[in-house]
Each structure stands twice: as C-alpha cells, then as structure tokens.
C-alpha cells in the first residue's frame, strides 16, 4: 500500500510539472544591446571624434565642384541621439551630415543650406540603415523622403566606413558604374573650419 501511494504521488508531481505553463525568457536591455552592438559601436567610434576636424581627398573620378578644393570634415556635436558632421568643400560651407540614432538603427540625412542659412531646395535627403550594421560600416539606402524630393535618387545607397585611420563617405547610384568616395585621414587633425552656413550660432 505504501509503495502504491508513493507511486501515485510521483505520478501526480510529474503531471503537475508537465502541465505547468512554460515561461519564455523575456528580452532584457542587455540582450537588446547585444543585438544592436554594431550600431552602438559605430556610434561610439564616431562620437570619439567629436570636436575634431580632418582633411580629406576625393579618391574616385573627378566630380564637378570638388576638383582642387580643400575637403574638411568637422565632427561638430555628439550626444546619444544626434551627431552633426559638417563637410566643407573649399569655400562652400553648405553641407552638414546629420546622423540620428534610434532603436539600433542609424539615419543619415544631408542638410544643405544657402549662404544666408536658409534651406536649400534639395535638403534632408538620405536614409536609415536597414540593419544594425557593423562597428566599422553603416549602410543607408535612400528613403521615401528622398524619392519624393529627388526621384532620380531613389536608388541611391550611401555608406560610411570608420576605423582608426580613415573615415570614408561613399555614394553608389544603383544602375550606374560610378562610385563617389571621399576619404579623410584621421591620423592628422586640422584646424577647425568656419561654421557651416546656418549653423553659425550653434551651441550658443
């Protein structure tokens, strides 16, 4: 009788365990960080350049407006959500790259201004990374805003690479053989340039 009761208790315990609801592991902030590590590391690497300026060169075929011009990148401002990177082409201070971080994705927008600081007719085009990317590269396919603004640029893909010695900005128009690439030497800082048009009062 005793053995029979023990067997019943064992069977009841087994059934109660097998019928218990299974608790699925919940996503923690740590796991989110692991999933987004490429974007997080890239953001950290770019932020480490904040306040610094570097000279670059066009490494692909000549482009109108860039030939024989001094090319300077200035990592102007960095926080957890936005990094401002003016890109000056000689005396043309119209360009600022705006990087925005959101939920493991990085957006690149091109801010273009006139000399009086007003917006250019073609501005704020770009795209958002379709995945978290890598610590040394982020890729930005053209978004809907770009298509609406400049339809011929719907197939644009921009990418930025970053390592200890070189920052490169690249553009490929799918369907065309040419690639636009500017590389900046991160081993040699240069004097901070004048503020980009429209950003003269930034930080005041």
C-alpha atoms as a PDB file:
ATOM      1  CA  UNK A   1       0.000   0.000   0.000  1.00  0.00           C
ATOM      2  CA  UNK A   2       2.806   2.380   0.915  1.00  0.00           C
ATOM      3  CA  UNK A   3       4.561   1.742  -2.400  1.00  0.00           C
ATOM      4  CA  UNK A   4       1.267   2.365  -4.232  1.00  0.00           C
ATOM      5  CA  UNK A   5       0.797   5.776  -2.538  1.00  0.00           C
ATOM      6  CA  UNK A   6       4.359   6.786  -3.286  1.00  0.00           C
ATOM      7  CA  UNK A   7       3.835   5.898  -6.939  1.00  0.00           C
ATOM      8  CA  UNK A   8       0.622   7.963  -7.053  1.00  0.00           C
ATOM      9  CA  UNK A   9       2.332  10.984  -5.502  1.00  0.00           C
ATOM     10  CA  UNK A  10       5.207  10.688  -8.008  1.00  0.00           C
ATOM     11  CA  UNK A  11       2.785  10.463 -10.918  1.00  0.00           C
ATOM     12  CA  UNK A  12       0.807  13.499  -9.678  1.00  0.00           C
ATOM     13  CA  UNK A  13       4.027  15.524  -9.310  1.00  0.00           C
ATOM     14  CA  UNK A  14       5.140  14.597 -12.823  1.00  0.00           C
ATOM     15  CA  UNK A  15       1.801  15.574 -14.326  1.00  0.00           C
ATOM     16  CA  UNK A  16       1.683  18.876 -12.463  1.00  0.00           C
ATOM     17  CA  UNK A  17       5.150  19.782 -13.775  1.00  0.00           C
ATOM     18  CA  UNK A  18       4.391  18.793 -17.347  1.00  0.00           C
ATOM     19  CA  UNK A  19       1.139  20.818 -17.344  1.00  0.00           C
ATOM     20  CA  UNK A  20       2.690  23.951 -15.854  1.00  0.00           C
ATOM     21  CA  UNK A  21       2.873  26.865 -18.282  1.00  0.00           C
ATOM     22  CA  UNK A  22       6.347  27.314 -19.756  1.00  0.00           C
ATOM     23  CA  UNK A  23       7.797  30.767 -19.080  1.00  0.00           C
ATOM     24  CA  UNK A  24       9.565  32.166 -22.143  1.00  0.00           C
ATOM     25  CA  UNK A  25      12.697  34.231 -21.486  1.00  0.00           C
ATOM     26  CA  UNK A  26      11.992  37.934 -21.734  1.00  0.00           C
ATOM     27  CA  UNK A  27      14.140  40.317 -23.741  1.00  0.00           C
ATOM     28  CA  UNK A  28      16.370  42.325 -21.440  1.00  0.00           C
ATOM     29  CA  UNK A  29      18.169  45.561 -22.059  1.00  0.00           C
ATOM     30  CA  UNK A  30      21.404  43.575 -22.133  1.00  0.00           C
ATOM     31  CA  UNK A  31      20.133  41.379 -24.969  1.00  0.00           C
ATOM     32  CA  UNK A  32      18.922  44.467 -26.849  1.00  0.00           C
ATOM     33  CA  UNK A  33      22.413  45.933 -26.534  1.00  0.00           C
ATOM     34  CA  UNK A  34      23.928  42.742 -27.943  1.00  0.00           C
ATOM     35  CA  UNK A  35      21.529  42.794 -30.891  1.00  0.00           C
ATOM     36  CA  UNK A  36      22.340  46.440 -31.603  1.00  0.00           C
ATOM     37  CA  UNK A  37      26.062  46.154 -30.949  1.00  0.00           C
ATOM     38  CA  UNK A  38      27.158  47.087 -34.481  1.00  0.00           C
ATOM     39  CA  UNK A  39      25.244  50.366 -34.436  1.00  0.00           C
ATOM     40  CA  UNK A  40      26.221  51.090 -30.830  1.00  0.00           C
ATOM     41  CA  UNK A  41      29.926  50.558 -31.502  1.00  0.00           C
ATOM     42  CA  UNK A  42      29.833  52.640 -34.684  1.00  0.00           C
ATOM     43  CA  UNK A  43      28.086  55.442 -32.788  1.00  0.00           C
ATOM     44  CA  UNK A  44      30.713  55.276 -30.061  1.00  0.00           C
ATOM     45  CA  UNK A  45      33.571  55.313 -32.565  1.00  0.00           C
ATOM     46  CA  UNK A  46      32.163  58.323 -34.402  1.00  0.00           C
ATOM     47  CA  UNK A  47      31.430  60.147 -31.138  1.00  0.00           C
ATOM     48  CA  UNK A  48      35.062  59.673 -30.111  1.00  0.00           C
ATOM     49  CA  UNK A  49      35.982  62.107 -32.907  1.00  0.00           C
ATOM     50  CA  UNK A  50      33.774  64.865 -31.527  1.00  0.00           C
ATOM     51  CA  UNK A  51      35.347  68.314 -31.657  1.00  0.00           C
ATOM     52  CA  UNK A  52      37.971  67.218 -34.162  1.00  0.00           C
ATOM     53  CA  UNK A  53      38.484  68.110 -37.835  1.00  0.00           C
ATOM     54  CA  UNK A  54      40.225  66.238 -40.623  1.00  0.00           C
ATOM     55  CA  UNK A  55      41.182  66.882 -44.224  1.00  0.00           C
ATOM     56  CA  UNK A  56      40.072  64.511 -46.963  1.00  0.00           C
ATOM     57  CA  UNK A  57      40.528  63.726 -50.602  1.00  0.00           C
ATOM     58  CA  UNK A  58      38.364  62.514 -53.430  1.00  0.00           C
ATOM     59  CA  UNK A  59      39.590  59.011 -54.285  1.00  0.00           C
ATOM     60  CA  UNK A  60      37.239  58.304 -57.179  1.00  0.00           C
ATOM     61  CA  UNK A  61      36.915  60.005 -60.551  1.00  0.00           C
ATOM     62  CA  UNK A  62      36.677  63.829 -60.557  1.00  0.00           C
ATOM     63  CA  UNK A  63      33.329  65.420 -59.740  1.00  0.00           C
ATOM     64  CA  UNK A  64      32.218  68.928 -60.672  1.00  0.00           C
ATOM     65  CA  UNK A  65      32.631  71.307 -57.749  1.00  0.00           C
ATOM     66  CA  UNK A  66      35.137  69.093 -55.910  1.00  0.00           C
ATOM     67  CA  UNK A  67      38.223  69.279 -58.099  1.00  0.00           C
ATOM     68  CA  UNK A  68      41.192  71.018 -56.461  1.00  0.00           C
ATOM     69  CA  UNK A  69      39.073  72.001 -53.441  1.00  0.00           C
ATOM     70  CA  UNK A  70      40.105  71.537 -49.830  1.00  0.00           C
ATOM     71  CA  UNK A  71      37.778  68.967 -48.249  1.00  0.00           C
ATOM     72  CA  UNK A  72      37.310  69.192 -44.492  1.00  0.00           C
ATOM     73  CA  UNK A  73      35.203  67.104 -42.125  1.00  0.00           C
ATOM     74  CA  UNK A  74      34.324  68.519 -38.697  1.00  0.00           C
ATOM     75  CA  UNK A  75      32.619  66.359 -36.055  1.00  0.00           C
ATOM     76  CA  UNK A  76      30.818  69.298 -34.539  1.00  0.00           C
ATOM     77  CA  UNK A  77      28.455  67.878 -31.924  1.00  0.00           C
ATOM     78  CA  UNK A  78      27.657  64.489 -30.402  1.00  0.00           C
ATOM     79  CA  UNK A  79      25.090  63.101 -27.984  1.00  0.00           C
ATOM     80  CA  UNK A  80      23.190  59.842 -27.580  1.00  0.00           C
ATOM     81  CA  UNK A  81      20.704  60.684 -30.332  1.00  0.00           C
ATOM     82  CA  UNK A  82      22.396  63.003 -32.844  1.00  0.00           C
ATOM     83  CA  UNK A  83      25.825  63.663 -34.333  1.00  0.00           C
ATOM     84  CA  UNK A  84      26.433  66.692 -36.564  1.00  0.00           C
ATOM     85  CA  UNK A  85      29.233  66.453 -39.121  1.00  0.00           C
ATOM     86  CA  UNK A  86      29.796  69.491 -41.370  1.00  0.00           C
ATOM     87  CA  UNK A  87      31.538  68.684 -44.661  1.00  0.00           C
ATOM     88  CA  UNK A  88      33.156  71.710 -46.265  1.00  0.00           C
ATOM     89  CA  UNK A  89      34.207  71.810 -49.913  1.00  0.00           C
ATOM     90  CA  UNK A  90      36.571  74.748 -50.307  1.00  0.00           C
ATOM     91  CA  UNK A  91      34.608  77.914 -49.517  1.00  0.00           C
ATOM     92  CA  UNK A  92      31.310  76.087 -49.888  1.00  0.00           C
ATOM     93  CA  UNK A  93      30.013  75.596 -46.344  1.00  0.00           C
ATOM     94  CA  UNK A  94      26.572  74.375 -47.335  1.00  0.00           C
ATOM     95  CA  UNK A  95      26.796  70.732 -46.273  1.00  0.00           C
ATOM     96  CA  UNK A  96      26.183  69.058 -42.924  1.00  0.00           C
ATOM     97  CA  UNK A  97      25.729  65.337 -42.421  1.00  0.00           C
ATOM     98  CA  UNK A  98      23.240  64.603 -39.651  1.00  0.00           C
ATOM     99  CA  UNK A  99      23.381  61.171 -38.029  1.00  0.00           C
ATOM    100  CA  UNK A 100      20.473  60.140 -35.794  1.00  0.00           C
ATOM    101  CA  UNK A 101      20.365  57.010 -33.598  1.00  0.00           C
ATOM    102  CA  UNK A 102      17.049  55.309 -32.834  1.00  0.00           C
ATOM    103  CA  UNK A 103      16.441  51.756 -31.572  1.00  0.00           C
ATOM    104  CA  UNK A 104      19.516  50.179 -33.069  1.00  0.00           C
ATOM    105  CA  UNK A 105      19.257  51.942 -36.414  1.00  0.00           C
ATOM    106  CA  UNK A 106      21.201  54.955 -37.660  1.00  0.00           C
ATOM    107  CA  UNK A 107      19.788  57.540 -40.042  1.00  0.00           C
ATOM    108  CA  UNK A 108      21.910  59.721 -42.310  1.00  0.00           C
ATOM    109  CA  UNK A 109      20.465  62.970 -43.625  1.00  0.00           C
ATOM    110  CA  UNK A 110      22.104  65.618 -45.802  1.00  0.00           C
ATOM    111  CA  UNK A 111      21.398  69.140 -44.565  1.00  0.00           C
ATOM    112  CA  UNK A 112      22.009  71.701 -47.326  1.00  0.00           C
ATOM    113  CA  UNK A 113      21.846  75.464 -46.724  1.00  0.00           C
ATOM    114  CA  UNK A 114      22.283  78.685 -48.653  1.00  0.00           C
ATOM    115  CA  UNK A 115      24.882  81.188 -47.506  1.00  0.00           C
ATOM    116  CA  UNK A 116      22.188  83.141 -45.634  1.00  0.00           C
ATOM    117  CA  UNK A 117      21.387  79.997 -43.629  1.00  0.00           C
ATOM    118  CA  UNK A 118      18.081  79.231 -45.321  1.00  0.00           C
ATOM    119  CA  UNK A 119      17.313  75.704 -46.512  1.00  0.00           C
ATOM    120  CA  UNK A 120      18.305  74.682 -49.998  1.00  0.00           C
ATOM    121  CA  UNK A 121      15.504  73.399 -52.203  1.00  0.00           C
ATOM    122  CA  UNK A 122      17.158  69.973 -52.056  1.00  0.00           C
ATOM    123  CA  UNK A 123      17.892  69.121 -48.442  1.00  0.00           C
ATOM    124  CA  UNK A 124      17.364  66.427 -45.794  1.00  0.00           C
ATOM    125  CA  UNK A 125      17.602  63.535 -48.202  1.00  0.00           C
ATOM    126  CA  UNK A 126      19.240  60.282 -47.136  1.00  0.00           C
ATOM    127  CA  UNK A 127      18.126  57.073 -45.493  1.00  0.00           C
ATOM    128  CA  UNK A 128      18.128  54.776 -42.460  1.00  0.00           C
ATOM    129  CA  UNK A 129      20.208  51.648 -42.046  1.00  0.00           C
ATOM    130  CA  UNK A 130      18.134  48.537 -42.748  1.00  0.00           C
ATOM    131  CA  UNK A 131      20.027  46.554 -40.109  1.00  0.00           C
ATOM    132  CA  UNK A 132      22.307  47.321 -37.162  1.00  0.00           C
ATOM    133  CA  UNK A 133      25.388  47.278 -39.361  1.00  0.00           C
ATOM    134  CA  UNK A 134      28.932  46.854 -38.111  1.00  0.00           C
ATOM    135  CA  UNK A 135      31.211  48.890 -35.878  1.00  0.00           C
ATOM    136  CA  UNK A 136      33.245  49.946 -38.917  1.00  0.00           C
ATOM    137  CA  UNK A 137      30.479  50.397 -41.506  1.00  0.00           C
ATOM    138  CA  UNK A 138      26.904  51.625 -41.776  1.00  0.00           C
ATOM    139  CA  UNK A 139      24.798  51.497 -44.962  1.00  0.00           C
ATOM    140  CA  UNK A 140      21.957  53.899 -45.779  1.00  0.00           C
ATOM    141  CA  UNK A 141      19.598  53.106 -48.683  1.00  0.00           C
ATOM    142  CA  UNK A 142      17.518  56.030 -49.958  1.00  0.00           C
ATOM    143  CA  UNK A 143      14.264  56.528 -48.055  1.00  0.00           C
ATOM    144  CA  UNK A 144      10.810  57.646 -49.171  1.00  0.00           C
ATOM    145  CA  UNK A 145      11.583  61.300 -48.395  1.00  0.00           C
ATOM    146  CA  UNK A 146      14.496  61.101 -50.831  1.00  0.00           C
ATOM    147  CA  UNK A 147      12.285  59.603 -53.535  1.00  0.00           C
ATOM    148  CA  UNK A 148       9.652  62.298 -53.023  1.00  0.00           C
ATOM    149  CA  UNK A 149      12.263  65.066 -53.103  1.00  0.00           C
ATOM    150  CA  UNK A 150      14.579  63.855 -55.891  1.00  0.00           C
ATOM    151  CA  UNK A 151      13.001  60.901 -57.719  1.00  0.00           C
ATOM    152  CA  UNK A 152      16.152  60.059 -59.697  1.00  0.00           C
ATOM    153  CA  UNK A 153      17.927  59.385 -56.381  1.00  0.00           C
ATOM    154  CA  UNK A 154      15.527  56.604 -55.353  1.00  0.00           C
ATOM    155  CA  UNK A 155      18.261  54.001 -55.939  1.00  0.00           C
ATOM    156  CA  UNK A 156      20.977  55.846 -54.032  1.00  0.00           C
ATOM    157  CA  UNK A 157      22.887  53.927 -51.394  1.00  0.00           C
ATOM    158  CA  UNK A 158      25.237  55.758 -49.067  1.00  0.00           C
ATOM    159  CA  UNK A 159      27.702  54.088 -46.737  1.00  0.00           C
ATOM    160  CA  UNK A 160      30.205  55.330 -44.204  1.00  0.00           C
ATOM    161  CA  UNK A 161      33.258  53.388 -43.076  1.00  0.00           C
ATOM    162  CA  UNK A 162      35.269  54.194 -40.000  1.00  0.00           C
ATOM    163  CA  UNK A 163      38.447  52.766 -38.500  1.00  0.00           C
ATOM    164  CA  UNK A 164      41.410  54.093 -36.539  1.00  0.00           C
ATOM    165  CA  UNK A 165      42.917  55.917 -39.507  1.00  0.00           C
ATOM    166  CA  UNK A 166      40.234  56.582 -42.140  1.00  0.00           C
ATOM    167  CA  UNK A 167      36.668  57.870 -42.319  1.00  0.00           C
ATOM    168  CA  UNK A 168      35.107  57.407 -45.742  1.00  0.00           C
ATOM    169  CA  UNK A 169      31.844  58.692 -47.178  1.00  0.00           C
ATOM    170  CA  UNK A 170      30.551  56.807 -50.187  1.00  0.00           C
ATOM    171  CA  UNK A 171      27.664  57.026 -52.653  1.00  0.00           C
ATOM    172  CA  UNK A 172      26.570  54.493 -55.234  1.00  0.00           C
ATOM    173  CA  UNK A 173      23.681  55.036 -57.627  1.00  0.00           C
ATOM    174  CA  UNK A 174      22.416  51.557 -58.394  1.00  0.00           C
ATOM    175  CA  UNK A 175      22.416  51.007 -62.149  1.00  0.00           C
ATOM    176  CA  UNK A 176      25.372  53.299 -62.711  1.00  0.00           C
ATOM    177  CA  UNK A 177      29.006  52.155 -62.708  1.00  0.00           C
ATOM    178  CA  UNK A 178      30.483  55.132 -60.878  1.00  0.00           C
ATOM    179  CA  UNK A 179      31.011  55.430 -57.131  1.00  0.00           C
ATOM    180  CA  UNK A 180      31.652  58.671 -55.239  1.00  0.00           C
ATOM    181  CA  UNK A 181      34.115  58.285 -52.341  1.00  0.00           C
ATOM    182  CA  UNK A 182      35.809  60.810 -50.082  1.00  0.00           C
ATOM    183  CA  UNK A 183      38.349  59.610 -47.532  1.00  0.00           C
ATOM    184  CA  UNK A 184      39.509  61.585 -44.503  1.00  0.00           C
ATOM    185  CA  UNK A 185      42.816  60.971 -42.740  1.00  0.00           C
ATOM    186  CA  UNK A 186      42.017  60.543 -39.043  1.00  0.00           C
ATOM    187  CA  UNK A 187      45.677  60.423 -38.038  1.00  0.00           C
ATOM    188  CA  UNK A 188      46.166  64.138 -38.706  1.00  0.00           C
ATOM    189  CA  UNK A 189      43.899  66.724 -37.139  1.00  0.00           C
ATOM    190  CA  UNK A 190      43.495  70.078 -38.864  1.00  0.00           C
ATOM    191  CA  UNK A 191      42.267  73.439 -37.665  1.00  0.00           C
ATOM    192  CA  UNK A 192      38.531  73.584 -37.038  1.00  0.00           C
ATOM    193  CA  UNK A 193      36.852  75.243 -40.034  1.00  0.00           C
ATOM    194  CA  UNK A 194      34.373  78.088 -40.032  1.00  0.00           C
ATOM    195  CA  UNK A 195      30.811  77.034 -39.113  1.00  0.00           C
ATOM    196  CA  UNK A 196      28.645  75.659 -41.880  1.00  0.00           C
ATOM    197  CA  UNK A 197      26.049  78.048 -43.261  1.00  0.00           C
ATOM    198  CA  UNK A 198      23.054  78.200 -40.960  1.00  0.00           C
ATOM    199  CA  UNK A 199      24.990  76.745 -38.006  1.00  0.00           C
ATOM    200  CA  UNK A 200      26.938  79.862 -37.008  1.00  0.00           C
ATOM    201  CA  UNK A 201      25.061  80.236 -33.716  1.00  0.00           C
ATOM    202  CA  UNK A 202      25.058  76.548 -32.873  1.00  0.00           C
ATOM    203  CA  UNK A 203      25.782  75.902 -29.206  1.00  0.00           C
ATOM    204  CA  UNK A 204      25.207  79.468 -28.036  1.00  0.00           C
END
